[in-house]
N, C-alpha and C. Protein backbone atom coordinates (compact mmCIF):
# COMPACT_ATOMS: atom_id res chain seq x y z
N MET A 1 115.28 122.93 87.21
CA MET A 1 115.33 122.55 88.46
C MET A 1 116.85 122.78 89.04
N LYS A 2 117.61 123.04 90.08
CA LYS A 2 118.94 122.94 90.20
C LYS A 2 119.36 121.60 90.32
N PRO A 3 120.58 121.63 89.69
CA PRO A 3 121.28 120.19 90.20
C PRO A 3 121.32 119.69 91.29
N PRO A 4 121.69 120.50 92.39
CA PRO A 4 121.68 119.98 93.88
C PRO A 4 120.15 119.31 94.37
N LEU A 5 119.13 119.89 93.68
CA LEU A 5 118.10 118.98 94.21
C LEU A 5 117.52 117.79 93.22
N ASP A 6 118.41 117.61 92.03
CA ASP A 6 118.18 116.44 91.61
C ASP A 6 118.84 115.14 92.38
N LYS A 7 120.00 115.99 93.08
CA LYS A 7 120.89 114.75 93.68
C LYS A 7 120.18 114.68 95.05
N LEU A 8 119.45 115.55 95.72
CA LEU A 8 118.73 115.37 96.77
C LEU A 8 117.68 114.59 96.80
N LEU A 9 116.84 114.65 95.63
CA LEU A 9 115.75 113.99 95.40
C LEU A 9 116.01 112.19 95.28
N ALA A 10 117.21 112.20 94.46
CA ALA A 10 117.76 110.63 94.24
C ALA A 10 118.02 110.28 95.75
N GLU A 11 118.75 110.89 96.49
CA GLU A 11 119.25 110.59 97.63
C GLU A 11 117.92 110.37 98.84
N ILE A 12 116.86 110.85 98.41
CA ILE A 12 115.64 110.83 99.42
C ILE A 12 115.09 109.55 98.89
N ARG A 13 114.88 109.31 97.58
CA ARG A 13 114.21 108.00 97.15
C ARG A 13 115.07 106.85 97.47
N GLU A 14 116.75 106.84 97.68
CA GLU A 14 117.40 106.00 97.89
C GLU A 14 117.21 105.69 99.57
N LEU A 15 117.06 106.44 100.23
CA LEU A 15 116.91 106.49 101.69
C LEU A 15 115.49 105.84 101.93
N GLU A 16 114.64 106.04 101.20
CA GLU A 16 113.07 105.41 101.45
C GLU A 16 113.41 103.98 101.32
N GLY A 17 114.07 103.57 100.12
CA GLY A 17 114.28 102.37 99.82
C GLY A 17 115.02 101.38 101.09
N LEU A 18 115.79 102.10 101.47
CA LEU A 18 116.79 101.75 102.61
C LEU A 18 116.07 101.57 103.97
N VAL A 19 115.08 102.30 104.01
CA VAL A 19 114.55 102.34 105.44
C VAL A 19 113.44 101.15 105.00
N SER A 20 112.53 100.86 103.95
CA SER A 20 111.71 99.81 103.72
C SER A 20 112.56 98.57 103.92
N GLU A 21 113.78 98.60 103.19
CA GLU A 21 114.64 97.20 103.57
C GLU A 21 114.96 96.74 105.17
N LYS A 22 115.16 98.32 105.79
CA LYS A 22 115.55 97.81 107.05
C LYS A 22 114.28 97.48 107.98
N ILE A 23 113.38 97.87 107.54
CA ILE A 23 111.79 97.41 108.07
C ILE A 23 111.65 96.02 107.98
N GLN A 24 112.27 95.73 106.74
CA GLN A 24 112.01 94.12 106.29
C GLN A 24 112.64 93.23 106.76
N GLN A 25 113.64 93.71 107.06
CA GLN A 25 114.63 92.84 107.89
C GLN A 25 114.35 92.01 109.15
N THR A 26 114.31 90.83 109.48
CA THR A 26 113.92 89.85 110.12
C THR A 26 114.69 89.41 111.36
N GLN A 27 114.49 89.53 112.68
CA GLN A 27 115.48 88.85 113.88
C GLN A 27 115.81 87.63 113.65
N THR A 28 114.87 86.79 112.80
CA THR A 28 114.93 85.32 113.08
C THR A 28 115.12 85.02 111.12
N LYS A 29 115.61 83.66 111.05
CA LYS A 29 115.31 83.23 109.99
C LYS A 29 113.90 83.40 109.36
N LEU A 30 113.81 83.20 108.09
CA LEU A 30 112.67 83.19 107.55
C LEU A 30 112.10 81.80 107.25
N THR A 31 110.89 81.78 107.59
CA THR A 31 110.35 80.27 107.81
C THR A 31 109.18 80.16 106.49
N PHE A 32 109.25 81.35 105.37
CA PHE A 32 108.32 81.30 104.58
C PHE A 32 109.17 81.54 103.19
N GLU A 33 108.41 81.22 101.73
CA GLU A 33 108.92 81.58 100.82
C GLU A 33 107.76 82.28 100.00
N ILE A 34 108.03 83.16 98.94
CA ILE A 34 107.28 84.03 98.45
C ILE A 34 106.73 83.07 97.00
N ASP A 35 105.73 82.96 96.75
CA ASP A 35 105.26 82.21 95.83
C ASP A 35 103.85 82.93 94.82
N ARG A 36 104.20 83.48 94.09
CA ARG A 36 103.06 84.40 93.23
C ARG A 36 102.47 85.43 93.87
N GLY A 37 103.52 86.19 94.76
CA GLY A 37 103.33 87.24 95.52
C GLY A 37 102.79 86.81 96.90
N ARG A 38 102.51 85.97 97.02
CA ARG A 38 102.00 85.27 98.43
C ARG A 38 103.17 84.45 99.26
N ALA A 39 102.81 84.71 100.76
CA ALA A 39 103.91 83.89 101.77
C ALA A 39 103.31 82.48 101.75
N VAL A 40 104.20 81.59 101.47
CA VAL A 40 103.76 80.06 101.56
C VAL A 40 104.77 79.53 102.71
N PHE A 41 104.03 79.04 103.55
CA PHE A 41 104.80 78.26 104.69
C PHE A 41 104.83 76.70 104.56
N SER A 42 105.78 76.13 105.34
CA SER A 42 105.81 74.71 104.88
C SER A 42 104.09 73.84 105.93
N PRO A 43 104.23 72.83 105.84
CA PRO A 43 103.38 72.11 106.55
C PRO A 43 103.72 72.01 108.00
N GLU A 44 105.11 71.95 108.23
CA GLU A 44 105.58 71.87 109.67
C GLU A 44 105.41 73.24 110.48
N VAL A 45 105.87 74.35 109.63
CA VAL A 45 105.50 75.50 110.28
C VAL A 45 104.09 76.04 110.42
N ARG A 46 103.33 75.69 109.46
CA ARG A 46 101.85 75.92 109.76
C ARG A 46 101.01 75.20 110.81
N LYS A 47 101.88 73.87 111.06
CA LYS A 47 101.51 73.12 112.26
C LYS A 47 101.56 74.07 113.46
N ARG A 48 103.19 74.40 113.56
CA ARG A 48 103.31 75.35 114.60
C ARG A 48 102.70 76.27 115.01
N HIS A 49 102.41 77.18 113.86
CA HIS A 49 101.69 78.31 113.94
C HIS A 49 100.19 78.34 114.57
N ARG A 50 99.38 76.90 114.03
CA ARG A 50 98.39 76.88 114.49
C ARG A 50 98.52 76.55 116.06
N ALA A 51 99.35 76.04 116.63
CA ALA A 51 99.19 75.47 117.99
C ALA A 51 99.27 76.92 118.70
N GLN A 52 99.97 77.83 118.11
CA GLN A 52 100.06 79.21 119.22
C GLN A 52 98.55 80.37 118.84
N THR A 53 97.88 79.63 118.23
CA THR A 53 96.52 80.63 117.93
C THR A 53 95.60 80.63 119.45
N ARG A 54 95.31 81.90 119.33
CA ARG A 54 94.76 82.09 120.85
C ARG A 54 93.36 81.93 120.57
N ARG A 55 92.26 81.50 121.69
CA ARG A 55 91.03 81.50 121.52
C ARG A 55 90.43 82.86 121.36
N VAL A 56 89.41 82.94 120.60
CA VAL A 56 88.73 84.21 120.38
C VAL A 56 88.40 84.87 121.93
N TRP A 57 87.82 83.93 122.66
CA TRP A 57 86.95 84.42 124.05
C TRP A 57 88.05 84.77 124.81
N ARG A 58 89.58 84.23 124.90
CA ARG A 58 90.38 84.59 125.73
C ARG A 58 90.82 85.96 125.11
N THR A 59 90.95 86.14 123.91
CA THR A 59 91.36 87.80 123.28
C THR A 59 90.19 88.70 123.97
N ILE A 60 88.80 88.26 123.88
CA ILE A 60 87.91 89.36 124.29
C ILE A 60 88.02 89.15 125.72
N TRP A 61 88.14 88.29 126.57
CA TRP A 61 88.08 88.46 128.03
C TRP A 61 89.45 89.13 128.41
N GLU A 62 90.59 89.29 127.73
CA GLU A 62 91.81 89.93 128.36
C GLU A 62 91.85 91.41 127.88
N SER A 63 90.82 91.91 126.99
CA SER A 63 90.74 93.05 126.34
C SER A 63 90.34 93.95 127.42
N PRO A 64 90.59 95.22 127.78
CA PRO A 64 90.07 95.99 128.50
C PRO A 64 88.86 96.58 128.22
N PHE A 65 87.71 96.84 129.26
CA PHE A 65 86.43 97.11 129.08
C PHE A 65 86.32 98.45 127.98
N LEU A 66 87.22 99.21 128.49
CA LEU A 66 87.08 100.65 127.47
C LEU A 66 87.47 100.16 126.08
N THR A 67 88.44 99.45 125.63
CA THR A 67 88.93 99.07 124.31
C THR A 67 87.92 98.56 123.53
N ILE A 68 87.01 97.70 123.99
CA ILE A 68 86.09 96.85 123.55
C ILE A 68 84.91 97.89 123.23
N LEU A 69 84.76 99.00 124.26
CA LEU A 69 83.81 100.01 124.25
C LEU A 69 84.11 100.92 123.07
N THR A 70 85.05 101.04 122.68
CA THR A 70 85.31 102.00 121.56
C THR A 70 85.82 101.42 120.22
N ALA A 71 85.74 100.17 120.15
CA ALA A 71 85.69 99.08 118.95
C ALA A 71 84.94 99.89 117.81
N PRO A 72 83.60 100.29 118.09
CA PRO A 72 82.81 100.58 116.86
C PRO A 72 83.10 101.80 116.32
N VAL A 73 84.00 102.77 117.14
CA VAL A 73 84.13 104.07 116.69
C VAL A 73 85.48 103.97 115.91
N ILE A 74 86.39 103.13 116.40
CA ILE A 74 87.45 102.79 115.44
C ILE A 74 87.25 101.83 113.89
N TYR A 75 86.03 101.18 114.04
CA TYR A 75 85.96 100.49 112.77
C TYR A 75 84.84 101.27 112.08
N SER A 76 84.25 102.34 112.70
CA SER A 76 83.38 103.32 111.75
C SER A 76 84.27 103.99 110.75
N LEU A 77 85.54 104.21 110.78
CA LEU A 77 86.19 104.86 110.04
C LEU A 77 86.45 104.15 108.71
N ILE A 78 85.95 102.71 108.65
CA ILE A 78 86.22 102.12 107.25
C ILE A 78 85.32 102.91 106.52
N ILE A 79 84.29 103.40 106.76
CA ILE A 79 83.58 104.25 105.82
C ILE A 79 84.26 105.11 105.07
N PRO A 80 84.69 106.33 106.03
CA PRO A 80 85.58 107.51 105.13
C PRO A 80 86.69 106.82 104.27
N LEU A 81 87.58 105.88 105.02
CA LEU A 81 88.49 105.35 104.37
C LEU A 81 88.18 104.77 102.85
N ALA A 82 87.01 104.20 102.82
CA ALA A 82 87.01 103.22 101.54
C ALA A 82 86.42 104.32 100.53
N LEU A 83 85.73 105.25 101.03
CA LEU A 83 85.12 106.70 100.31
C LEU A 83 86.38 107.37 99.71
N LEU A 84 87.42 107.57 100.80
CA LEU A 84 88.73 107.99 100.15
C LEU A 84 89.42 107.20 99.09
N ASP A 85 89.42 106.05 99.76
CA ASP A 85 90.24 105.15 98.51
C ASP A 85 89.32 105.02 97.24
N LEU A 86 88.02 105.10 97.11
CA LEU A 86 87.36 105.38 95.72
C LEU A 86 87.44 106.27 95.00
N PHE A 87 87.56 107.45 95.92
CA PHE A 87 87.58 108.73 95.43
C PHE A 87 88.80 109.25 94.47
N VAL A 88 89.99 108.85 95.65
CA VAL A 88 91.26 109.22 95.02
C VAL A 88 91.74 108.41 93.75
N SER A 89 91.33 107.24 93.82
CA SER A 89 91.48 106.40 92.58
C SER A 89 90.81 106.84 91.48
N LEU A 90 89.67 107.11 91.65
CA LEU A 90 88.67 108.01 90.48
C LEU A 90 89.46 108.86 89.87
N TYR A 91 89.90 109.80 91.01
CA TYR A 91 90.48 111.20 90.71
C TYR A 91 91.56 110.78 89.48
N GLN A 92 92.62 110.21 90.16
CA GLN A 92 93.92 110.07 89.62
C GLN A 92 93.66 109.46 88.26
N TRP A 93 92.88 108.41 88.06
CA TRP A 93 92.41 107.65 86.79
C TRP A 93 92.04 108.37 85.76
N ILE A 94 91.24 109.74 86.28
CA ILE A 94 90.81 110.41 85.52
C ILE A 94 91.57 111.71 85.12
N CYS A 95 92.18 112.31 86.01
CA CYS A 95 92.80 113.71 85.95
C CYS A 95 94.41 113.36 85.52
N PHE A 96 95.12 112.36 86.06
CA PHE A 96 96.72 112.42 86.02
C PHE A 96 96.87 112.22 84.40
N PRO A 97 96.03 111.10 83.73
CA PRO A 97 96.57 111.30 82.21
C PRO A 97 96.45 112.45 81.58
N VAL A 98 95.30 113.35 81.88
CA VAL A 98 95.47 114.81 81.44
C VAL A 98 96.35 115.66 81.95
N TYR A 99 96.87 115.51 82.88
CA TYR A 99 97.78 116.17 83.61
C TYR A 99 99.34 115.77 83.22
N ARG A 100 99.29 114.64 82.69
CA ARG A 100 100.57 113.64 82.32
C ARG A 100 101.37 113.46 83.43
N VAL A 101 100.71 113.31 84.58
CA VAL A 101 101.34 112.59 85.80
C VAL A 101 101.27 111.37 85.59
N PRO A 102 102.64 110.70 86.50
CA PRO A 102 102.10 109.15 86.33
C PRO A 102 101.32 108.69 87.34
N ARG A 103 100.59 107.88 87.27
CA ARG A 103 99.73 107.05 88.46
C ARG A 103 100.39 106.57 89.65
N VAL A 104 99.96 106.88 90.62
CA VAL A 104 100.24 105.68 91.85
C VAL A 104 99.73 104.39 91.41
N ARG A 105 100.85 103.74 92.10
CA ARG A 105 100.31 102.33 92.02
C ARG A 105 99.76 101.90 93.12
N ARG A 106 98.55 101.62 93.46
CA ARG A 106 97.58 101.30 94.60
C ARG A 106 98.38 100.24 95.20
N ARG A 107 98.86 99.04 94.52
CA ARG A 107 99.26 98.05 95.15
C ARG A 107 100.43 98.00 95.91
N GLU A 108 101.24 99.06 95.51
CA GLU A 108 102.61 99.24 96.16
C GLU A 108 102.28 99.81 97.77
N TYR A 109 101.12 100.46 97.87
CA TYR A 109 100.82 101.21 99.11
C TYR A 109 99.84 100.21 100.08
N VAL A 110 98.70 99.63 99.41
CA VAL A 110 97.72 98.90 100.05
C VAL A 110 98.17 97.38 100.11
N VAL A 111 98.72 96.90 101.14
CA VAL A 111 99.24 95.61 101.52
C VAL A 111 98.75 94.72 102.42
N ILE A 112 97.55 93.83 102.01
CA ILE A 112 97.08 93.14 102.90
C ILE A 112 97.32 91.56 102.97
N ASP A 113 98.09 91.14 103.92
CA ASP A 113 98.63 89.74 103.81
C ASP A 113 98.73 89.15 105.08
N ARG A 114 98.62 90.01 106.32
CA ARG A 114 98.67 89.34 107.64
C ARG A 114 97.66 88.57 108.15
N HIS A 115 96.43 88.55 107.51
CA HIS A 115 95.52 87.43 107.65
C HIS A 115 95.78 85.91 107.41
N LEU A 116 96.94 85.70 106.63
CA LEU A 116 97.21 84.46 106.07
C LEU A 116 97.90 83.93 106.98
N LEU A 117 98.32 84.78 108.30
CA LEU A 117 99.10 83.92 109.44
C LEU A 117 98.20 82.98 110.11
N SER A 118 98.42 81.66 110.39
CA SER A 118 97.57 81.07 111.05
C SER A 118 97.50 80.95 112.53
N TYR A 119 98.55 81.80 112.99
CA TYR A 119 98.71 81.80 114.36
C TYR A 119 97.92 82.86 114.99
N LEU A 120 97.16 83.55 114.00
CA LEU A 120 96.31 84.88 114.62
C LEU A 120 94.93 84.19 114.46
N ASN A 121 93.88 84.59 115.46
CA ASN A 121 92.74 84.20 115.67
C ASN A 121 91.62 85.03 114.64
N VAL A 122 90.39 84.79 114.49
CA VAL A 122 89.75 85.94 113.89
C VAL A 122 89.62 87.23 113.89
N ILE A 123 89.84 87.65 115.16
CA ILE A 123 89.65 89.00 115.61
C ILE A 123 91.17 89.67 115.30
N GLU A 124 92.26 88.85 115.54
CA GLU A 124 93.75 89.46 115.14
C GLU A 124 93.78 89.55 113.62
N LYS A 125 92.97 88.56 112.91
CA LYS A 125 93.08 88.79 111.82
C LYS A 125 92.42 89.81 111.06
N LEU A 126 91.29 90.01 111.72
CA LEU A 126 90.26 91.26 111.07
C LEU A 126 90.94 92.52 111.45
N ASN A 127 91.58 92.60 112.72
CA ASN A 127 92.05 93.85 113.12
C ASN A 127 93.49 94.34 112.15
N CYS A 128 94.16 93.15 111.81
CA CYS A 128 95.38 93.27 111.01
C CYS A 128 94.79 93.61 109.59
N VAL A 129 94.00 93.00 109.18
CA VAL A 129 93.40 93.41 107.73
C VAL A 129 92.93 94.93 107.79
N TYR A 130 92.27 95.50 108.78
CA TYR A 130 91.70 96.80 108.77
C TYR A 130 93.01 98.04 109.05
N CYS A 131 94.12 97.25 109.69
CA CYS A 131 95.31 98.46 109.89
C CYS A 131 95.83 98.63 108.69
N GLY A 132 96.12 97.13 108.12
CA GLY A 132 96.97 97.28 106.45
C GLY A 132 96.22 98.10 105.60
N TYR A 133 94.81 97.90 105.43
CA TYR A 133 94.08 98.71 104.76
C TYR A 133 94.04 100.00 104.79
N GLY A 134 93.75 100.65 106.14
CA GLY A 134 93.89 102.08 106.53
C GLY A 134 95.05 102.88 106.33
N ASN A 135 96.09 102.09 106.85
CA ASN A 135 97.65 102.75 106.64
C ASN A 135 97.75 102.69 105.35
N GLY A 136 97.42 101.78 104.48
CA GLY A 136 97.69 101.72 103.00
C GLY A 136 97.14 102.78 102.20
N VAL A 137 95.67 103.02 102.45
CA VAL A 137 94.96 103.90 101.91
C VAL A 137 95.56 105.30 102.36
N LEU A 138 95.85 105.70 103.35
CA LEU A 138 96.42 106.90 103.72
C LEU A 138 97.53 107.16 102.91
N ALA A 139 98.43 106.21 103.11
CA ALA A 139 99.80 106.31 102.36
C ALA A 139 99.36 106.60 100.57
N TYR A 140 98.63 105.81 100.27
CA TYR A 140 98.32 105.89 98.70
C TYR A 140 97.76 107.26 98.43
N ALA A 141 96.95 107.86 99.16
CA ALA A 141 96.17 109.05 99.21
C ALA A 141 97.51 110.33 99.39
N SER A 142 98.17 109.91 100.10
CA SER A 142 99.21 111.34 100.48
C SER A 142 100.03 111.13 99.05
N GLU A 143 100.34 110.20 98.52
CA GLU A 143 100.98 110.36 97.42
C GLU A 143 100.74 110.67 95.93
N ILE A 144 99.16 110.36 96.07
CA ILE A 144 98.53 111.10 94.96
C ILE A 144 98.47 112.94 95.42
N ALA A 145 98.19 112.99 96.45
CA ALA A 145 98.25 114.48 96.75
C ALA A 145 99.23 115.34 96.50
N ALA A 146 100.67 114.57 96.96
CA ALA A 146 101.64 115.06 96.60
C ALA A 146 102.03 115.53 95.29
N ARG A 147 101.80 114.64 94.22
CA ARG A 147 102.11 114.50 92.87
C ARG A 147 100.86 115.83 92.44
N THR A 148 100.09 115.97 92.92
CA THR A 148 98.82 116.85 92.51
C THR A 148 99.63 118.31 92.86
N GLU A 149 100.02 118.23 94.17
CA GLU A 149 100.47 119.63 94.61
C GLU A 149 101.84 119.94 93.56
N GLN A 150 102.58 118.75 93.43
CA GLN A 150 103.65 119.42 92.49
C GLN A 150 103.19 119.81 91.03
N TYR A 151 101.91 119.64 90.65
CA TYR A 151 101.29 119.79 89.48
C TYR A 151 100.85 121.16 89.25
N TRP A 152 99.96 121.70 90.51
CA TRP A 152 99.40 122.66 90.53
C TRP A 152 99.93 123.69 91.50
N CYS A 153 100.67 123.45 92.50
CA CYS A 153 101.32 124.55 93.35
C CYS A 153 102.60 124.12 93.84
N PRO A 154 103.62 124.15 92.99
CA PRO A 154 104.85 123.63 93.57
C PRO A 154 105.61 124.76 93.85
N ILE A 155 105.19 125.14 95.36
CA ILE A 155 105.97 126.49 95.94
C ILE A 155 105.83 125.81 97.51
N LYS A 156 107.02 125.87 97.78
CA LYS A 156 107.38 125.89 99.41
C LYS A 156 106.78 126.61 100.44
N HIS A 157 106.47 126.13 101.54
CA HIS A 157 105.62 126.74 102.51
C HIS A 157 106.80 128.15 103.50
N ALA A 158 106.35 128.91 103.83
CA ALA A 158 107.22 130.07 104.60
C ALA A 158 107.55 129.15 105.81
N LYS A 159 106.68 128.35 106.59
CA LYS A 159 106.96 127.60 107.84
C LYS A 159 107.15 126.50 107.57
N LEU A 160 107.80 125.75 108.45
CA LEU A 160 108.40 124.21 108.29
C LEU A 160 107.35 123.56 108.89
N SER A 161 107.05 122.50 107.86
CA SER A 161 105.55 121.54 108.19
C SER A 161 106.10 120.20 108.40
N LYS A 162 105.47 119.49 109.32
CA LYS A 162 105.91 118.23 109.59
C LYS A 162 105.34 116.87 108.66
N GLY A 163 104.14 117.61 108.08
CA GLY A 163 103.74 116.81 106.85
C GLY A 163 104.35 117.02 105.37
N CYS A 164 105.33 117.68 105.46
CA CYS A 164 105.79 117.76 104.16
C CYS A 164 106.55 116.48 103.54
N HIS A 165 106.38 116.50 102.05
CA HIS A 165 106.67 115.09 101.57
C HIS A 165 107.91 115.32 100.59
N SER A 166 108.65 114.16 100.07
CA SER A 166 109.92 114.57 99.32
C SER A 166 109.68 115.16 98.23
N ARG A 167 108.51 115.47 97.47
CA ARG A 167 108.69 116.31 96.24
C ARG A 167 108.59 117.59 96.37
N GLN A 168 108.39 117.97 97.76
CA GLN A 168 108.42 119.38 97.68
C GLN A 168 109.99 120.21 97.93
N CYS A 169 111.02 119.25 97.84
CA CYS A 169 112.36 119.75 97.66
C CYS A 169 112.48 120.08 96.39
N LEU A 170 111.62 119.87 95.28
CA LEU A 170 111.58 120.38 93.98
C LEU A 170 111.00 121.88 93.54
N PHE A 171 110.03 122.17 94.77
CA PHE A 171 109.24 123.17 94.65
C PHE A 171 110.11 124.89 94.54
N CYS A 172 109.63 125.76 94.31
CA CYS A 172 110.18 126.91 94.21
C CYS A 172 110.02 127.34 95.62
N ASP A 173 111.12 128.55 95.99
CA ASP A 173 111.09 129.06 97.21
C ASP A 173 109.69 129.80 97.72
N PHE A 174 109.49 129.86 98.74
CA PHE A 174 108.29 130.89 99.11
C PHE A 174 108.59 132.57 98.61
N GLY A 175 107.68 132.85 98.08
CA GLY A 175 108.07 134.18 97.82
C GLY A 175 109.15 134.50 96.44
N ASP A 176 109.53 133.67 95.79
CA ASP A 176 110.43 133.53 94.78
C ASP A 176 109.43 133.57 93.40
N ALA A 177 109.06 134.77 93.05
CA ALA A 177 107.83 135.17 92.10
C ALA A 177 108.72 134.69 90.76
N ASP A 178 110.06 135.44 90.60
CA ASP A 178 110.72 135.43 89.34
C ASP A 178 110.82 133.43 89.02
N GLY A 179 111.25 132.87 90.17
CA GLY A 179 111.48 131.36 89.99
C GLY A 179 110.28 130.75 89.58
N PHE A 180 109.45 131.09 90.39
CA PHE A 180 107.82 130.37 90.11
C PHE A 180 107.40 130.58 88.68
N ARG A 181 107.40 131.83 88.28
CA ARG A 181 107.34 131.93 86.44
C ARG A 181 107.95 131.42 85.70
N SER A 182 109.22 131.26 86.18
CA SER A 182 110.28 130.67 85.31
C SER A 182 110.34 129.23 84.79
N GLN A 183 109.93 128.77 86.17
CA GLN A 183 110.07 127.17 86.37
C GLN A 183 108.73 126.56 86.42
N TYR A 184 107.84 127.20 86.56
CA TYR A 184 106.33 126.62 86.76
C TYR A 184 106.15 125.26 85.63
N ALA A 185 106.19 125.59 84.36
CA ALA A 185 106.03 124.59 83.35
C ALA A 185 106.88 123.51 83.39
N THR A 186 108.11 123.86 83.77
CA THR A 186 109.07 122.58 83.77
C THR A 186 108.76 121.75 85.16
N LEU A 187 108.33 122.43 86.19
CA LEU A 187 108.45 121.67 87.61
C LEU A 187 106.83 120.50 87.35
N ARG A 188 106.01 121.10 86.50
CA ARG A 188 104.98 120.36 86.47
C ARG A 188 105.00 119.05 85.70
N GLU A 189 106.38 118.95 85.01
CA GLU A 189 106.52 117.59 84.20
C GLU A 189 107.53 117.09 84.96
N ARG A 190 108.33 117.27 86.16
CA ARG A 190 109.35 116.58 86.71
C ARG A 190 108.75 115.73 87.60
N PHE A 191 108.79 114.12 87.00
CA PHE A 191 108.23 112.88 87.60
C PHE A 191 109.37 111.90 87.25
N ASP A 192 110.17 112.31 86.22
CA ASP A 192 111.11 111.05 85.56
C ASP A 192 111.73 110.48 86.68
N ASP A 193 112.05 110.90 87.97
CA ASP A 193 112.66 110.29 89.06
C ASP A 193 111.75 109.08 89.54
N ILE A 194 110.33 109.30 89.37
CA ILE A 194 109.74 108.24 90.16
C ILE A 194 109.85 106.91 89.95
N ASP A 195 110.03 106.46 88.42
CA ASP A 195 110.13 105.11 88.42
C ASP A 195 111.77 104.73 88.38
N LYS A 196 112.62 105.14 88.55
CA LYS A 196 114.06 104.99 88.55
C LYS A 196 114.11 103.61 88.90
N ASP A 197 115.39 103.20 88.65
CA ASP A 197 115.75 101.90 89.21
C ASP A 197 116.65 101.94 90.35
N ILE A 198 116.71 101.30 91.37
CA ILE A 198 117.31 101.99 92.65
C ILE A 198 118.74 102.07 92.42
N ASN A 199 119.47 101.07 91.46
CA ASN A 199 120.78 101.01 91.21
C ASN A 199 121.17 102.35 90.49
N SER A 200 120.13 102.96 89.58
CA SER A 200 120.60 104.11 88.88
C SER A 200 120.56 105.35 90.00
N ILE A 201 119.77 105.37 90.79
CA ILE A 201 119.67 106.15 91.90
C ILE A 201 120.93 106.40 92.69
N SER A 202 121.38 105.07 93.25
CA SER A 202 122.58 105.12 93.77
C SER A 202 123.56 105.59 93.29
N ARG A 203 123.94 105.19 91.94
CA ARG A 203 124.94 105.98 91.14
C ARG A 203 124.81 107.38 90.93
N SER A 204 123.86 107.86 91.00
CA SER A 204 123.38 109.49 90.76
C SER A 204 123.54 110.28 92.05
N ALA A 205 123.48 109.25 93.09
CA ALA A 205 123.27 109.90 94.53
C ALA A 205 124.09 109.21 95.31
N PRO A 206 125.62 109.20 95.46
CA PRO A 206 126.31 108.27 95.88
C PRO A 206 126.74 108.87 97.57
N GLY A 207 126.65 110.13 97.85
CA GLY A 207 127.07 111.14 98.85
C GLY A 207 126.66 110.27 100.34
N GLN A 208 125.52 111.08 100.66
CA GLN A 208 124.98 110.78 102.20
C GLN A 208 124.64 109.23 102.11
N VAL A 209 124.11 108.69 101.11
CA VAL A 209 123.49 107.29 101.00
C VAL A 209 124.78 106.47 101.30
N ALA A 210 125.74 106.59 100.63
CA ALA A 210 126.81 105.73 100.65
C ALA A 210 127.45 105.63 102.06
N ALA A 211 127.31 106.90 102.82
CA ALA A 211 127.67 107.02 104.07
C ALA A 211 127.03 106.39 105.02
N LEU A 212 126.10 106.00 104.85
CA LEU A 212 124.75 105.25 105.83
C LEU A 212 124.82 103.93 105.18
N ARG A 213 125.16 103.53 103.85
CA ARG A 213 125.30 102.25 103.90
C ARG A 213 126.87 101.45 104.48
N GLU A 214 127.74 102.36 104.63
CA GLU A 214 129.09 101.78 104.95
C GLU A 214 128.88 101.03 106.33
N PRO A 215 128.65 101.70 107.48
CA PRO A 215 128.50 100.97 108.81
C PRO A 215 127.55 99.54 108.67
N GLU A 216 126.59 99.54 107.61
CA GLU A 216 125.82 98.13 107.44
C GLU A 216 126.58 97.21 106.89
N GLU A 217 127.57 97.73 105.85
CA GLU A 217 128.17 96.42 105.19
C GLU A 217 129.25 96.34 106.01
N THR A 218 129.92 97.32 107.00
CA THR A 218 131.03 96.96 107.65
C THR A 218 130.69 95.68 108.70
N LEU A 219 129.16 95.96 109.30
CA LEU A 219 128.66 94.90 110.19
C LEU A 219 128.29 93.72 109.84
N LYS A 220 128.02 93.68 108.51
CA LYS A 220 127.93 92.66 107.79
C LYS A 220 128.92 91.57 107.54
N GLU A 221 130.37 92.35 106.95
CA GLU A 221 131.62 91.85 106.91
C GLU A 221 132.06 91.46 108.00
N ALA A 222 131.69 91.80 109.47
CA ALA A 222 132.06 91.42 110.64
C ALA A 222 131.55 90.03 111.09
N GLU A 223 130.06 90.08 110.63
CA GLU A 223 129.39 88.96 110.99
C GLU A 223 129.85 87.55 110.20
N ARG A 224 129.98 87.86 108.75
CA ARG A 224 130.58 86.85 108.10
C ARG A 224 131.97 86.59 108.65
N LYS A 225 132.77 87.06 109.24
CA LYS A 225 134.06 86.78 109.84
C LYS A 225 133.89 85.80 111.07
N ASN A 226 133.00 86.23 111.95
CA ASN A 226 132.74 85.50 113.08
C ASN A 226 132.03 83.95 112.75
């Protein structure tokens, strides 16, 4: 693999981490603490949350009729989603050790915790569980597919694809037969970047990432002065 691609992949990993951090930033002061992987609220906060709970009948009454009518359709997707979850999990547990491809950690993708919020009623909690599970499973399966593609067919497409994943930057160019034959065996083993510590990635890819961090750090400095 060419050295510039090493740097590019490291920058992509760093940017993914920055995006995740940005998404998790809250507009208000956090009212909970993380204990053993779960969010814990104080009794006072839980009391305020319960006071904000909407009645189930009100949620149903204020929902458009067509939304209620289509509810069975959207929830029927739980069947293919559960089957996808089961089969991709079995697939990677059986095949990835044979391919020497690192397994995808499911818990990093399938996160279900919003049902613990006491200001949500039963219907809202069910919706949150379903959305968290569905989106998590799809992201989990996508990463498994990406690592599989790198092992079996590390070749870029001729056309630009909106569904491309970060691992494709390692792939051989479309039509580069010599490069494919010479790099194929090496590319199948290039997963050393997956578990890199974020700090080591920052050191190896300071370019664009540092430029993106700069405005944010400047803003924080200004906030401290104010």
